[in-house]
Amino acid sequence: QVQLVESGGGLVQAGGSLRLSCAASGSIFSINTMGWYRQRPGKQRELVAGITSGGSANYADSVAGRFTVSRDYAKNTVYLQMNSLKVEDTAVYYCNLRHQSFTASGNYWGPGTQVTVSS
């Protein structure tokens, strides 16, 4: 089993920055992707950014150039640096880990952290 603990959400003014962290614990396979999704009010959950165990990152078009995803592999922690925040970035942000081995796979979610961007 894998547990994910998020931190770093809060209230910020438009144009400001926040950094989210997510620490994973438990039995994690070496082939994995950690990332961030968000759910805005009245919208479906959507991918924000992800980064593989090999270091490849991808971003939603809406955040590319403003957000940066990174990992500390020794700590099994993923970060999301969010700059130039917009009111439309307001959402609950969820950490996600997907991993696989030759015989098993898993998909895990954190409880979510609220990010509110005020105008």
C-alpha atoms as a PDB file:
ATOM      1  CA  GLN A   1       0.000   0.000   0.000  1.00  0.00           C
ATOM      2  CA  VAL A   2       1.086   3.574  -0.676  1.00  0.00           C
ATOM      3  CA  GLN A   3       0.211   6.696   1.297  1.00  0.00           C
ATOM      4  CA  LEU A   4       0.434  10.254  -0.017  1.00  0.00           C
ATOM      5  CA  VAL A   5       0.572  13.332   2.186  1.00  0.00           C
ATOM      6  CA  GLU A   6       0.220  16.764   0.597  1.00  0.00           C
ATOM      7  CA  SER A   7       1.137  20.161   1.988  1.00  0.00           C
ATOM      8  CA  GLY A   8       1.551  23.737   0.835  1.00  0.00           C
ATOM      9  CA  GLY A   9      -1.892  24.847  -0.276  1.00  0.00           C
ATOM     10  CA  GLY A  10      -3.431  28.124   0.807  1.00  0.00           C
ATOM     11  CA  LEU A  11      -4.655  31.532  -0.213  1.00  0.00           C
ATOM     12  CA  VAL A  12      -2.606  33.758  -2.501  1.00  0.00           C
ATOM     13  CA  GLN A  13      -3.226  36.828  -4.602  1.00  0.00           C
ATOM     14  CA  ALA A  14      -3.197  36.661  -8.376  1.00  0.00           C
ATOM     15  CA  GLY A  15       0.345  36.877  -9.669  1.00  0.00           C
ATOM     16  CA  GLY A  16       1.732  35.232  -6.573  1.00  0.00           C
ATOM     17  CA  SER A  17       3.396  31.869  -6.027  1.00  0.00           C
ATOM     18  CA  LEU A  18       2.831  28.708  -4.030  1.00  0.00           C
ATOM     19  CA  ARG A  19       4.736  25.465  -3.697  1.00  0.00           C
ATOM     20  CA  LEU A  20       2.961  22.179  -3.124  1.00  0.00           C
ATOM     21  CA  SER A  21       4.685  19.108  -1.731  1.00  0.00           C
ATOM     22  CA  CYS A  22       3.604  15.492  -1.660  1.00  0.00           C
ATOM     23  CA  ALA A  23       5.479  12.798   0.226  1.00  0.00           C
ATOM     24  CA  ALA A  24       4.877   9.174  -0.652  1.00  0.00           C
ATOM     25  CA  SER A  25       5.460   6.269   1.709  1.00  0.00           C
ATOM     26  CA  GLY A  26       4.982   2.526   1.530  1.00  0.00           C
ATOM     27  CA  SER A  27       5.988  -0.018  -1.072  1.00  0.00           C
ATOM     28  CA  ILE A  28       6.667   1.916  -4.249  1.00  0.00           C
ATOM     29  CA  PHE A  29       7.745   0.179  -7.431  1.00  0.00           C
ATOM     30  CA  SER A  30      10.743   1.602  -9.242  1.00  0.00           C
ATOM     31  CA  ILE A  31       8.710   2.320 -12.400  1.00  0.00           C
ATOM     32  CA  ASN A  32       6.359   5.091 -11.386  1.00  0.00           C
ATOM     33  CA  THR A  33       4.924   8.483 -12.183  1.00  0.00           C
ATOM     34  CA  MET A  34       4.085  11.104  -9.597  1.00  0.00           C
ATOM     35  CA  GLY A  35       2.074  14.147 -10.384  1.00  0.00           C
ATOM     36  CA  TRP A  36      -0.624  16.624  -9.639  1.00  0.00           C
ATOM     37  CA  TYR A  37      -4.233  16.851 -10.689  1.00  0.00           C
ATOM     38  CA  ARG A  38      -6.748  19.516  -9.820  1.00  0.00           C
ATOM     39  CA  GLN A  39     -10.483  19.846  -9.618  1.00  0.00           C
ATOM     40  CA  ARG A  40     -11.881  23.301 -10.127  1.00  0.00           C
ATOM     41  CA  PRO A  41     -15.400  24.156  -8.941  1.00  0.00           C
ATOM     42  CA  GLY A  42     -17.946  22.565 -11.242  1.00  0.00           C
ATOM     43  CA  LYS A  43     -15.268  20.871 -13.334  1.00  0.00           C
ATOM     44  CA  GLN A  44     -13.865  17.377 -13.682  1.00  0.00           C
ATOM     45  CA  ARG A  45     -10.493  16.467 -12.231  1.00  0.00           C
ATOM     46  CA  GLU A  46      -7.724  17.252 -14.700  1.00  0.00           C
ATOM     47  CA  LEU A  47      -4.017  16.602 -15.011  1.00  0.00           C
ATOM     48  CA  VAL A  48      -1.812  19.552 -14.078  1.00  0.00           C
ATOM     49  CA  ALA A  49       1.679  18.052 -14.321  1.00  0.00           C
ATOM     50  CA  GLY A  50       3.435  14.736 -13.944  1.00  0.00           C
ATOM     51  CA  ILE A  51       6.993  13.451 -13.755  1.00  0.00           C
ATOM     52  CA  THR A  52       8.187   9.921 -14.283  1.00  0.00           C
ATOM     53  CA  SER A  53      10.776   7.967 -12.353  1.00  0.00           C
ATOM     54  CA  GLY A  54      13.039   8.615 -15.335  1.00  0.00           C
ATOM     55  CA  GLY A  55      12.631  12.362 -15.002  1.00  0.00           C
ATOM     56  CA  SER A  56      10.320  13.102 -17.929  1.00  0.00           C
ATOM     57  CA  ALA A  57       7.776  15.810 -17.152  1.00  0.00           C
ATOM     58  CA  ASN A  58       4.592  16.871 -18.861  1.00  0.00           C
ATOM     59  CA  TYR A  59       2.227  19.754 -18.261  1.00  0.00           C
ATOM     60  CA  ALA A  60      -1.271  20.850 -19.069  1.00  0.00           C
ATOM     61  CA  ASP A  61      -1.282  23.619 -21.652  1.00  0.00           C
ATOM     62  CA  SER A  62      -2.962  25.940 -19.169  1.00  0.00           C
ATOM     63  CA  VAL A  63      -0.017  25.819 -16.753  1.00  0.00           C
ATOM     64  CA  ALA A  64       2.975  25.304 -19.041  1.00  0.00           C
ATOM     65  CA  GLY A  65       5.542  28.026 -18.476  1.00  0.00           C
ATOM     66  CA  ARG A  66       4.079  28.961 -15.080  1.00  0.00           C
ATOM     67  CA  PHE A  67       4.228  25.707 -13.102  1.00  0.00           C
ATOM     68  CA  THR A  68       7.198  23.413 -12.574  1.00  0.00           C
ATOM     69  CA  VAL A  69       7.014  19.838 -11.327  1.00  0.00           C
ATOM     70  CA  SER A  70      10.056  18.242  -9.726  1.00  0.00           C
ATOM     71  CA  ARG A  71      10.981  15.259  -7.576  1.00  0.00           C
ATOM     72  CA  ASP A  72      13.299  14.338  -4.758  1.00  0.00           C
ATOM     73  CA  TYR A  73      13.800  10.668  -5.482  1.00  0.00           C
ATOM     74  CA  ALA A  74      15.556   9.960  -2.209  1.00  0.00           C
ATOM     75  CA  LYS A  75      12.574  11.308  -0.270  1.00  0.00           C
ATOM     76  CA  ASN A  76       9.862   9.983  -2.622  1.00  0.00           C
ATOM     77  CA  THR A  77       8.530  13.514  -2.747  1.00  0.00           C
ATOM     78  CA  VAL A  78       7.075  15.469  -5.638  1.00  0.00           C
ATOM     79  CA  TYR A  79       6.780  19.235  -5.745  1.00  0.00           C
ATOM     80  CA  LEU A  80       4.717  21.663  -7.764  1.00  0.00           C
ATOM     81  CA  GLN A  81       6.070  25.186  -7.962  1.00  0.00           C
ATOM     82  CA  MET A  82       3.260  27.446  -9.087  1.00  0.00           C
ATOM     83  CA  ASN A  83       4.153  30.936 -10.274  1.00  0.00           C
ATOM     84  CA  SER A  84       2.111  33.713 -11.850  1.00  0.00           C
ATOM     85  CA  LEU A  85      -1.016  32.233 -10.337  1.00  0.00           C
ATOM     86  CA  LYS A  86      -4.360  33.150 -11.831  1.00  0.00           C
ATOM     87  CA  VAL A  87      -7.824  33.189 -10.310  1.00  0.00           C
ATOM     88  CA  GLU A  88      -8.691  30.264 -12.592  1.00  0.00           C
ATOM     89  CA  ASP A  89      -6.004  28.157 -10.882  1.00  0.00           C
ATOM     90  CA  THR A  90      -8.260  28.020  -7.832  1.00  0.00           C
ATOM     91  CA  ALA A  91      -8.936  24.341  -7.192  1.00  0.00           C
ATOM     92  CA  VAL A  92      -8.359  21.393  -4.952  1.00  0.00           C
ATOM     93  CA  TYR A  93      -5.003  19.935  -5.962  1.00  0.00           C
ATOM     94  CA  TYR A  94      -4.492  16.188  -5.644  1.00  0.00           C
ATOM     95  CA  CYS A  95      -1.222  14.325  -5.588  1.00  0.00           C
ATOM     96  CA  ASN A  96      -1.155  11.115  -7.610  1.00  0.00           C
ATOM     97  CA  LEU A  97       1.209   8.170  -7.832  1.00  0.00           C
ATOM     98  CA  ARG A  98       0.986   5.421 -10.419  1.00  0.00           C
ATOM     99  CA  HIS A  99       3.401   2.533 -10.370  1.00  0.00           C
ATOM    100  CA  GLN A 100       3.891  -0.849 -11.893  1.00  0.00           C
ATOM    101  CA  SER A 101       5.997  -3.974 -11.673  1.00  0.00           C
ATOM    102  CA  PHE A 102       6.011  -7.072 -13.845  1.00  0.00           C
ATOM    103  CA  THR A 103       3.082  -8.491 -11.915  1.00  0.00           C
ATOM    104  CA  ALA A 104       1.225  -5.626 -10.304  1.00  0.00           C
ATOM    105  CA  SER A 105       0.255  -1.987 -10.648  1.00  0.00           C
ATOM    106  CA  GLY A 106      -1.357   0.670  -8.503  1.00  0.00           C
ATOM    107  CA  ASN A 107      -2.864   4.125  -8.637  1.00  0.00           C
ATOM    108  CA  TYR A 108      -3.023   6.243  -5.475  1.00  0.00           C
ATOM    109  CA  TRP A 109      -4.373   9.639  -4.509  1.00  0.00           C
ATOM    110  CA  GLY A 110      -3.699  12.085  -1.743  1.00  0.00           C
ATOM    111  CA  PRO A 111      -6.592  13.685   0.154  1.00  0.00           C
ATOM    112  CA  GLY A 112      -6.185  16.993  -1.701  1.00  0.00           C
ATOM    113  CA  THR A 113      -5.104  20.488  -0.729  1.00  0.00           C
ATOM    114  CA  GLN A 114      -7.029  23.670  -1.456  1.00  0.00           C
ATOM    115  CA  VAL A 115      -5.412  26.420  -3.501  1.00  0.00           C
ATOM    116  CA  THR A 116      -7.328  29.680  -3.665  1.00  0.00           C
ATOM    117  CA  VAL A 117      -6.164  32.561  -5.837  1.00  0.00           C
ATOM    118  CA  SER A 118      -7.843  35.885  -5.169  1.00  0.00           C
ATOM    119  CA  SER A 119      -8.099  38.799  -7.594  1.00  0.00           C
END
